[in-house]
Amino acid sequence: MDKNIIKETMLSLEAAAFQSAREKYLDYVADARLDRSEPIENDEHAQAEVASDFSEALDDTVHDHSDKLDKLRKIDFGPKSTVAEGALVRLSGRYFIIAVSTAQFTCDGQEVMGISTMAPIFEAIEGARAGETVEVKGRKLLIEDVA
């Protein structure tokens, strides 16, 4: 599997998620603004407060996607011989890219999932080589390939 294609796919998916979160954020910010030129009803004020609270939560999501995009652009996806950031790992039949956390996605006809270096599974497999067995939550898993 070509890691450059995986990187471009991840960037594309993350950019779409960023744009969607940004649009939702801007919609809620607009809803949170009250027209001060007219009398404000209690329910309008309450709805604006809820929209404001939700926009703050969406702001965190926007920043999360932005941070992931920045990180993806900086990671070295070159060849790897051990499990490290930028490695594509086949672990007991499943593909993982060590970069940022993602939902499962399809790339080159294969299911891939992004995991971050902060994920507990990364701690268990970090530094492993193809052919080694690692233990994750009491289960022994085979590192089939590292690229």
N, C-alpha and C. Protein backbone atom coordinates (compact mmCIF):
# COMPACT_ATOMS: atom_id res chain seq x y z
N MET A 1 0.85 -1.18 0.00
CA MET A 1 0.00 0.00 0.00
C MET A 1 0.90 1.24 0.00
N ASP A 2 0.54 2.23 -0.78
CA ASP A 2 1.34 3.45 -0.92
C ASP A 2 0.99 4.43 0.22
N LYS A 3 1.98 4.71 1.07
CA LYS A 3 1.73 5.60 2.22
C LYS A 3 1.45 7.03 1.78
N ASN A 4 1.94 7.45 0.62
CA ASN A 4 1.63 8.79 0.13
C ASN A 4 0.14 8.91 -0.19
N ILE A 5 -0.44 7.84 -0.73
CA ILE A 5 -1.88 7.84 -1.00
C ILE A 5 -2.65 7.86 0.31
N ILE A 6 -2.17 7.10 1.29
CA ILE A 6 -2.81 7.09 2.61
C ILE A 6 -2.76 8.49 3.22
N LYS A 7 -1.60 9.14 3.14
CA LYS A 7 -1.46 10.49 3.69
C LYS A 7 -2.42 11.45 3.00
N GLU A 8 -2.48 11.41 1.67
CA GLU A 8 -3.38 12.30 0.93
C GLU A 8 -4.84 12.02 1.26
N THR A 9 -5.18 10.75 1.42
CA THR A 9 -6.55 10.39 1.81
C THR A 9 -6.88 10.94 3.18
N MET A 10 -5.95 10.78 4.12
CA MET A 10 -6.17 11.30 5.48
C MET A 10 -6.30 12.82 5.47
N LEU A 11 -5.45 13.49 4.70
CA LEU A 11 -5.54 14.95 4.61
C LEU A 11 -6.88 15.38 4.03
N SER A 12 -7.33 14.68 3.01
CA SER A 12 -8.61 15.00 2.38
C SER A 12 -9.79 14.79 3.35
N LEU A 13 -9.79 13.65 4.04
CA LEU A 13 -10.86 13.37 5.00
C LEU A 13 -10.85 14.37 6.15
N GLU A 14 -9.67 14.69 6.63
CA GLU A 14 -9.56 15.63 7.76
C GLU A 14 -9.95 17.04 7.33
N ALA A 15 -9.59 17.43 6.11
CA ALA A 15 -9.96 18.75 5.60
C ALA A 15 -11.48 18.86 5.47
N ALA A 16 -12.13 17.80 5.00
CA ALA A 16 -13.59 17.80 4.89
C ALA A 16 -14.24 17.89 6.28
N ALA A 17 -13.70 17.16 7.24
CA ALA A 17 -14.22 17.22 8.61
C ALA A 17 -14.01 18.61 9.21
N PHE A 18 -12.85 19.21 8.94
CA PHE A 18 -12.56 20.56 9.41
C PHE A 18 -13.57 21.56 8.83
N GLN A 19 -13.81 21.47 7.53
CA GLN A 19 -14.73 22.40 6.87
C GLN A 19 -16.15 22.24 7.41
N SER A 20 -16.57 21.00 7.61
CA SER A 20 -17.91 20.75 8.15
C SER A 20 -18.04 21.31 9.56
N ALA A 21 -17.05 21.06 10.41
CA ALA A 21 -17.07 21.57 11.78
C ALA A 21 -17.05 23.10 11.79
N ARG A 22 -16.27 23.69 10.89
CA ARG A 22 -16.18 25.15 10.81
C ARG A 22 -17.52 25.76 10.41
N GLU A 23 -18.19 25.14 9.42
CA GLU A 23 -19.50 25.65 8.98
C GLU A 23 -20.53 25.55 10.11
N LYS A 24 -20.52 24.43 10.83
CA LYS A 24 -21.45 24.27 11.96
C LYS A 24 -21.15 25.30 13.04
N TYR A 25 -19.88 25.50 13.29
CA TYR A 25 -19.47 26.50 14.29
C TYR A 25 -19.99 27.88 13.90
N LEU A 26 -19.77 28.28 12.67
CA LEU A 26 -20.21 29.61 12.22
C LEU A 26 -21.73 29.75 12.28
N ASP A 27 -22.45 28.67 11.95
CA ASP A 27 -23.92 28.69 12.05
C ASP A 27 -24.37 28.92 13.49
N TYR A 28 -23.75 28.20 14.42
CA TYR A 28 -24.14 28.36 15.82
C TYR A 28 -23.74 29.71 16.39
N VAL A 29 -22.61 30.23 15.96
CA VAL A 29 -22.20 31.55 16.41
C VAL A 29 -23.22 32.59 15.94
N ALA A 30 -23.66 32.45 14.70
CA ALA A 30 -24.67 33.38 14.17
C ALA A 30 -25.97 33.27 14.96
N ASP A 31 -26.36 32.05 15.33
CA ASP A 31 -27.59 31.85 16.10
C ASP A 31 -27.46 32.39 17.52
N ALA A 32 -26.25 32.46 18.02
CA ALA A 32 -26.04 32.91 19.40
C ALA A 32 -26.11 34.43 19.53
N ARG A 33 -26.06 35.13 18.42
CA ARG A 33 -26.11 36.59 18.47
C ARG A 33 -27.55 37.06 18.60
N LEU A 34 -27.76 37.97 19.51
CA LEU A 34 -29.09 38.53 19.72
C LEU A 34 -29.16 39.91 19.06
N ASP A 35 -30.33 40.22 18.53
CA ASP A 35 -30.55 41.54 17.93
C ASP A 35 -30.87 42.50 19.07
N ARG A 36 -29.90 43.32 19.43
CA ARG A 36 -30.04 44.23 20.56
C ARG A 36 -30.93 45.43 20.23
N SER A 37 -31.33 45.59 18.98
CA SER A 37 -32.17 46.72 18.60
C SER A 37 -33.65 46.46 18.92
N GLU A 38 -33.98 45.21 19.28
CA GLU A 38 -35.36 44.86 19.62
C GLU A 38 -35.40 44.27 21.02
N PRO A 39 -36.57 44.29 21.66
CA PRO A 39 -36.69 43.66 22.98
C PRO A 39 -36.39 42.16 22.86
N ILE A 40 -35.71 41.64 23.87
CA ILE A 40 -35.30 40.24 23.85
C ILE A 40 -36.21 39.44 24.78
N GLU A 41 -36.85 38.43 24.23
CA GLU A 41 -37.72 37.54 25.01
C GLU A 41 -36.83 36.56 25.79
N ASN A 42 -37.38 36.04 26.90
CA ASN A 42 -36.62 35.10 27.73
C ASN A 42 -36.21 33.85 26.96
N ASP A 43 -37.14 33.31 26.13
CA ASP A 43 -36.80 32.09 25.40
C ASP A 43 -35.74 32.36 24.33
N GLU A 44 -35.74 33.55 23.75
CA GLU A 44 -34.70 33.91 22.77
C GLU A 44 -33.34 33.97 23.45
N HIS A 45 -33.35 34.54 24.66
CA HIS A 45 -32.10 34.64 25.42
C HIS A 45 -31.59 33.24 25.78
N ALA A 46 -32.47 32.35 26.21
CA ALA A 46 -32.09 30.99 26.58
C ALA A 46 -31.57 30.23 25.36
N GLN A 47 -32.23 30.38 24.21
CA GLN A 47 -31.78 29.71 22.99
C GLN A 47 -30.41 30.23 22.56
N ALA A 48 -30.20 31.52 22.71
CA ALA A 48 -28.91 32.11 22.36
C ALA A 48 -27.81 31.58 23.28
N GLU A 49 -28.11 31.40 24.56
CA GLU A 49 -27.12 30.85 25.50
C GLU A 49 -26.76 29.42 25.14
N VAL A 50 -27.77 28.61 24.80
CA VAL A 50 -27.52 27.23 24.40
C VAL A 50 -26.66 27.20 23.13
N ALA A 51 -27.01 28.04 22.17
CA ALA A 51 -26.24 28.10 20.92
C ALA A 51 -24.80 28.54 21.20
N SER A 52 -24.64 29.47 22.13
CA SER A 52 -23.30 29.94 22.49
C SER A 52 -22.48 28.81 23.12
N ASP A 53 -23.10 28.06 24.04
CA ASP A 53 -22.41 26.94 24.68
C ASP A 53 -22.01 25.89 23.64
N PHE A 54 -22.93 25.60 22.72
CA PHE A 54 -22.66 24.60 21.70
C PHE A 54 -21.56 25.08 20.75
N SER A 55 -21.56 26.36 20.44
CA SER A 55 -20.53 26.89 19.54
C SER A 55 -19.14 26.77 20.18
N GLU A 56 -19.07 26.92 21.50
CA GLU A 56 -17.79 26.74 22.19
C GLU A 56 -17.30 25.30 22.05
N ALA A 57 -18.22 24.34 22.19
CA ALA A 57 -17.85 22.94 22.03
C ALA A 57 -17.40 22.67 20.59
N LEU A 58 -18.10 23.26 19.63
CA LEU A 58 -17.72 23.10 18.23
C LEU A 58 -16.37 23.76 17.94
N ASP A 59 -16.08 24.83 18.65
CA ASP A 59 -14.79 25.50 18.48
C ASP A 59 -13.66 24.54 18.81
N ASP A 60 -13.83 23.74 19.87
CA ASP A 60 -12.83 22.73 20.22
C ASP A 60 -12.66 21.72 19.09
N THR A 61 -13.77 21.31 18.49
CA THR A 61 -13.73 20.36 17.38
C THR A 61 -12.99 20.95 16.19
N VAL A 62 -13.25 22.20 15.88
CA VAL A 62 -12.57 22.88 14.77
C VAL A 62 -11.07 22.89 15.03
N HIS A 63 -10.68 23.24 16.25
CA HIS A 63 -9.25 23.27 16.59
C HIS A 63 -8.63 21.88 16.52
N ASP A 64 -9.38 20.86 16.95
CA ASP A 64 -8.88 19.49 16.90
C ASP A 64 -8.57 19.08 15.46
N HIS A 65 -9.51 19.37 14.54
CA HIS A 65 -9.28 19.03 13.13
C HIS A 65 -8.13 19.84 12.56
N SER A 66 -8.02 21.09 12.92
CA SER A 66 -6.93 21.94 12.45
C SER A 66 -5.59 21.39 12.94
N ASP A 67 -5.53 20.99 14.20
CA ASP A 67 -4.30 20.42 14.76
C ASP A 67 -3.91 19.13 14.03
N LYS A 68 -4.91 18.29 13.73
CA LYS A 68 -4.64 17.04 13.02
C LYS A 68 -4.10 17.32 11.62
N LEU A 69 -4.68 18.30 10.93
CA LEU A 69 -4.18 18.67 9.60
C LEU A 69 -2.72 19.12 9.68
N ASP A 70 -2.41 19.96 10.64
CA ASP A 70 -1.03 20.43 10.81
C ASP A 70 -0.08 19.26 11.07
N LYS A 71 -0.49 18.36 11.95
CA LYS A 71 0.36 17.22 12.29
C LYS A 71 0.57 16.32 11.08
N LEU A 72 -0.50 16.04 10.33
CA LEU A 72 -0.38 15.18 9.15
C LEU A 72 0.60 15.75 8.13
N ARG A 73 0.61 17.06 8.00
CA ARG A 73 1.52 17.71 7.04
C ARG A 73 2.98 17.59 7.47
N LYS A 74 3.23 17.44 8.77
CA LYS A 74 4.60 17.42 9.30
C LYS A 74 5.19 16.02 9.46
N ILE A 75 4.36 15.00 9.52
CA ILE A 75 4.84 13.64 9.77
C ILE A 75 5.65 13.12 8.59
N ASP A 76 6.75 12.44 8.91
CA ASP A 76 7.57 11.77 7.90
C ASP A 76 6.95 10.40 7.64
N PHE A 77 6.34 10.24 6.47
CA PHE A 77 5.72 8.97 6.10
C PHE A 77 6.68 8.08 5.31
N GLY A 78 7.97 8.39 5.38
CA GLY A 78 8.97 7.58 4.68
C GLY A 78 9.01 6.16 5.23
N PRO A 79 9.82 5.29 4.58
CA PRO A 79 9.92 3.88 5.00
C PRO A 79 10.35 3.75 6.46
N LYS A 80 9.76 2.77 7.13
CA LYS A 80 10.08 2.50 8.53
C LYS A 80 10.38 1.00 8.68
N SER A 81 11.28 0.67 9.59
CA SER A 81 11.57 -0.74 9.87
C SER A 81 11.01 -1.15 11.24
N THR A 82 10.68 -0.16 12.05
CA THR A 82 10.06 -0.44 13.35
C THR A 82 8.80 0.42 13.45
N VAL A 83 7.91 0.04 14.37
CA VAL A 83 6.69 0.80 14.59
C VAL A 83 7.05 2.15 15.20
N ALA A 84 6.77 3.21 14.45
CA ALA A 84 7.06 4.58 14.87
C ALA A 84 6.08 5.49 14.13
N GLU A 85 6.09 6.77 14.50
CA GLU A 85 5.23 7.72 13.81
C GLU A 85 5.53 7.69 12.31
N GLY A 86 4.47 7.62 11.51
CA GLY A 86 4.62 7.57 10.06
C GLY A 86 4.65 6.16 9.49
N ALA A 87 4.64 5.15 10.36
CA ALA A 87 4.69 3.76 9.90
C ALA A 87 3.29 3.25 9.55
N LEU A 88 3.25 2.40 8.54
CA LEU A 88 2.05 1.64 8.23
C LEU A 88 2.29 0.25 8.81
N VAL A 89 1.39 -0.19 9.67
CA VAL A 89 1.56 -1.44 10.40
C VAL A 89 0.41 -2.38 10.08
N ARG A 90 0.75 -3.62 9.72
CA ARG A 90 -0.29 -4.65 9.60
C ARG A 90 -0.18 -5.49 10.87
N LEU A 91 -1.21 -5.38 11.68
CA LEU A 91 -1.25 -6.01 13.00
C LEU A 91 -2.39 -7.02 13.01
N SER A 92 -2.02 -8.30 13.02
CA SER A 92 -3.02 -9.39 13.03
C SER A 92 -4.09 -9.18 11.97
N GLY A 93 -3.65 -8.86 10.74
CA GLY A 93 -4.56 -8.75 9.61
C GLY A 93 -5.19 -7.39 9.40
N ARG A 94 -4.95 -6.45 10.29
CA ARG A 94 -5.55 -5.11 10.15
C ARG A 94 -4.45 -4.08 9.94
N TYR A 95 -4.77 -3.06 9.14
CA TYR A 95 -3.80 -2.00 8.85
C TYR A 95 -4.03 -0.78 9.74
N PHE A 96 -2.93 -0.26 10.27
CA PHE A 96 -2.94 0.95 11.08
C PHE A 96 -1.85 1.87 10.56
N ILE A 97 -2.16 3.16 10.48
CA ILE A 97 -1.15 4.15 10.14
C ILE A 97 -0.89 4.96 11.41
N ILE A 98 0.37 5.06 11.78
CA ILE A 98 0.72 5.76 13.02
C ILE A 98 0.87 7.24 12.67
N ALA A 99 -0.16 8.01 13.00
CA ALA A 99 -0.18 9.43 12.64
C ALA A 99 -1.09 10.19 13.60
N VAL A 100 -2.36 10.27 13.24
CA VAL A 100 -3.39 10.89 14.08
C VAL A 100 -4.55 9.90 14.17
N SER A 101 -5.34 10.02 15.21
CA SER A 101 -6.47 9.11 15.36
C SER A 101 -7.53 9.43 14.32
N THR A 102 -8.06 8.36 13.72
CA THR A 102 -9.13 8.50 12.72
C THR A 102 -10.11 7.36 12.89
N ALA A 103 -11.25 7.54 12.27
CA ALA A 103 -12.16 6.41 12.12
C ALA A 103 -11.57 5.53 11.01
N GLN A 104 -12.07 4.34 10.88
CA GLN A 104 -11.61 3.46 9.82
C GLN A 104 -11.97 4.08 8.47
N PHE A 105 -11.06 4.00 7.50
CA PHE A 105 -11.31 4.51 6.15
C PHE A 105 -10.73 3.53 5.14
N THR A 106 -11.19 3.63 3.90
CA THR A 106 -10.71 2.74 2.85
C THR A 106 -9.71 3.48 1.98
N CYS A 107 -8.61 2.81 1.70
CA CYS A 107 -7.56 3.38 0.86
C CYS A 107 -6.94 2.24 0.06
N ASP A 108 -6.85 2.40 -1.24
CA ASP A 108 -6.31 1.34 -2.11
C ASP A 108 -7.02 0.01 -1.89
N GLY A 109 -8.32 0.07 -1.61
CA GLY A 109 -9.10 -1.15 -1.41
C GLY A 109 -8.91 -1.82 -0.06
N GLN A 110 -8.15 -1.20 0.83
CA GLN A 110 -7.91 -1.77 2.16
C GLN A 110 -8.50 -0.86 3.24
N GLU A 111 -8.97 -1.48 4.30
CA GLU A 111 -9.43 -0.73 5.46
C GLU A 111 -8.22 -0.34 6.30
N VAL A 112 -8.13 0.94 6.65
CA VAL A 112 -7.01 1.46 7.43
C VAL A 112 -7.59 2.31 8.56
N MET A 113 -6.91 2.33 9.68
CA MET A 113 -7.31 3.20 10.79
C MET A 113 -6.07 3.95 11.25
N GLY A 114 -6.24 5.24 11.49
CA GLY A 114 -5.15 6.04 12.02
C GLY A 114 -5.14 5.97 13.53
N ILE A 115 -3.94 5.79 14.08
CA ILE A 115 -3.80 5.85 15.53
C ILE A 115 -2.71 6.86 15.87
N SER A 116 -2.90 7.52 16.95
CA SER A 116 -1.96 8.55 17.38
C SER A 116 -0.88 7.92 18.25
N THR A 117 0.21 8.64 18.38
CA THR A 117 1.29 8.18 19.25
C THR A 117 0.89 8.28 20.72
N MET A 118 -0.25 8.89 21.00
CA MET A 118 -0.76 9.00 22.37
C MET A 118 -1.69 7.84 22.72
N ALA A 119 -2.05 7.02 21.73
CA ALA A 119 -2.99 5.91 21.95
C ALA A 119 -2.31 4.79 22.75
N PRO A 120 -3.04 4.16 23.66
CA PRO A 120 -2.47 3.05 24.44
C PRO A 120 -1.92 1.93 23.57
N ILE A 121 -2.56 1.64 22.43
CA ILE A 121 -2.06 0.56 21.57
C ILE A 121 -0.69 0.91 21.01
N PHE A 122 -0.44 2.19 20.75
CA PHE A 122 0.87 2.58 20.24
C PHE A 122 1.96 2.27 21.26
N GLU A 123 1.67 2.53 22.51
CA GLU A 123 2.64 2.25 23.58
C GLU A 123 3.03 0.77 23.56
N ALA A 124 2.05 -0.10 23.28
CA ALA A 124 2.29 -1.54 23.30
C ALA A 124 3.08 -2.01 22.07
N ILE A 125 2.96 -1.30 20.95
CA ILE A 125 3.61 -1.78 19.72
C ILE A 125 4.81 -0.93 19.30
N GLU A 126 5.04 0.19 19.96
CA GLU A 126 6.14 1.08 19.58
C GLU A 126 7.47 0.33 19.56
N GLY A 127 8.22 0.52 18.49
CA GLY A 127 9.54 -0.08 18.36
C GLY A 127 9.54 -1.52 17.87
N ALA A 128 8.37 -2.14 17.76
CA ALA A 128 8.30 -3.53 17.30
C ALA A 128 8.64 -3.63 15.81
N ARG A 129 9.11 -4.80 15.42
CA ARG A 129 9.47 -5.07 14.03
C ARG A 129 8.53 -6.14 13.47
N ALA A 130 8.47 -6.22 12.15
CA ALA A 130 7.67 -7.25 11.50
C ALA A 130 8.13 -8.62 12.00
N GLY A 131 7.15 -9.49 12.29
CA GLY A 131 7.43 -10.83 12.78
C GLY A 131 7.38 -10.95 14.29
N GLU A 132 7.42 -9.83 15.00
CA GLU A 132 7.37 -9.86 16.47
C GLU A 132 5.92 -9.97 16.95
N THR A 133 5.78 -10.55 18.13
CA THR A 133 4.48 -10.64 18.78
C THR A 133 4.46 -9.63 19.92
N VAL A 134 3.35 -8.91 20.03
CA VAL A 134 3.18 -7.94 21.12
C VAL A 134 1.94 -8.31 21.90
N GLU A 135 1.86 -7.81 23.12
CA GLU A 135 0.68 -8.07 23.94
C GLU A 135 -0.08 -6.76 24.12
N VAL A 136 -1.37 -6.80 23.77
CA VAL A 136 -2.25 -5.65 23.90
C VAL A 136 -3.48 -6.09 24.68
N LYS A 137 -3.65 -5.50 25.87
CA LYS A 137 -4.78 -5.85 26.74
C LYS A 137 -4.91 -7.36 26.94
N GLY A 138 -3.80 -8.01 27.19
CA GLY A 138 -3.81 -9.44 27.48
C GLY A 138 -3.87 -10.33 26.25
N ARG A 139 -3.96 -9.76 25.06
CA ARG A 139 -4.01 -10.55 23.82
C ARG A 139 -2.68 -10.46 23.10
N LYS A 140 -2.19 -11.58 22.61
CA LYS A 140 -0.97 -11.58 21.83
C LYS A 140 -1.33 -11.32 20.36
N LEU A 141 -0.67 -10.32 19.78
CA LEU A 141 -0.92 -9.95 18.39
C LEU A 141 0.39 -9.97 17.61
N LEU A 142 0.32 -10.38 16.35
CA LEU A 142 1.48 -10.49 15.51
C LEU A 142 1.63 -9.21 14.67
N ILE A 143 2.82 -8.62 14.72
CA ILE A 143 3.16 -7.52 13.82
C ILE A 143 3.55 -8.17 12.50
N GLU A 144 2.65 -8.18 11.53
CA GLU A 144 2.88 -8.87 10.27
C GLU A 144 3.78 -8.07 9.34
N ASP A 145 3.65 -6.75 9.37
CA ASP A 145 4.45 -5.92 8.47
C ASP A 145 4.56 -4.51 9.02
N VAL A 146 5.68 -3.89 8.75
CA VAL A 146 5.92 -2.49 9.09
C VAL A 146 6.52 -1.82 7.86
N ALA A 147 5.91 -0.75 7.41
CA ALA A 147 6.43 -0.06 6.22
C ALA A 147 6.56 1.43 6.50
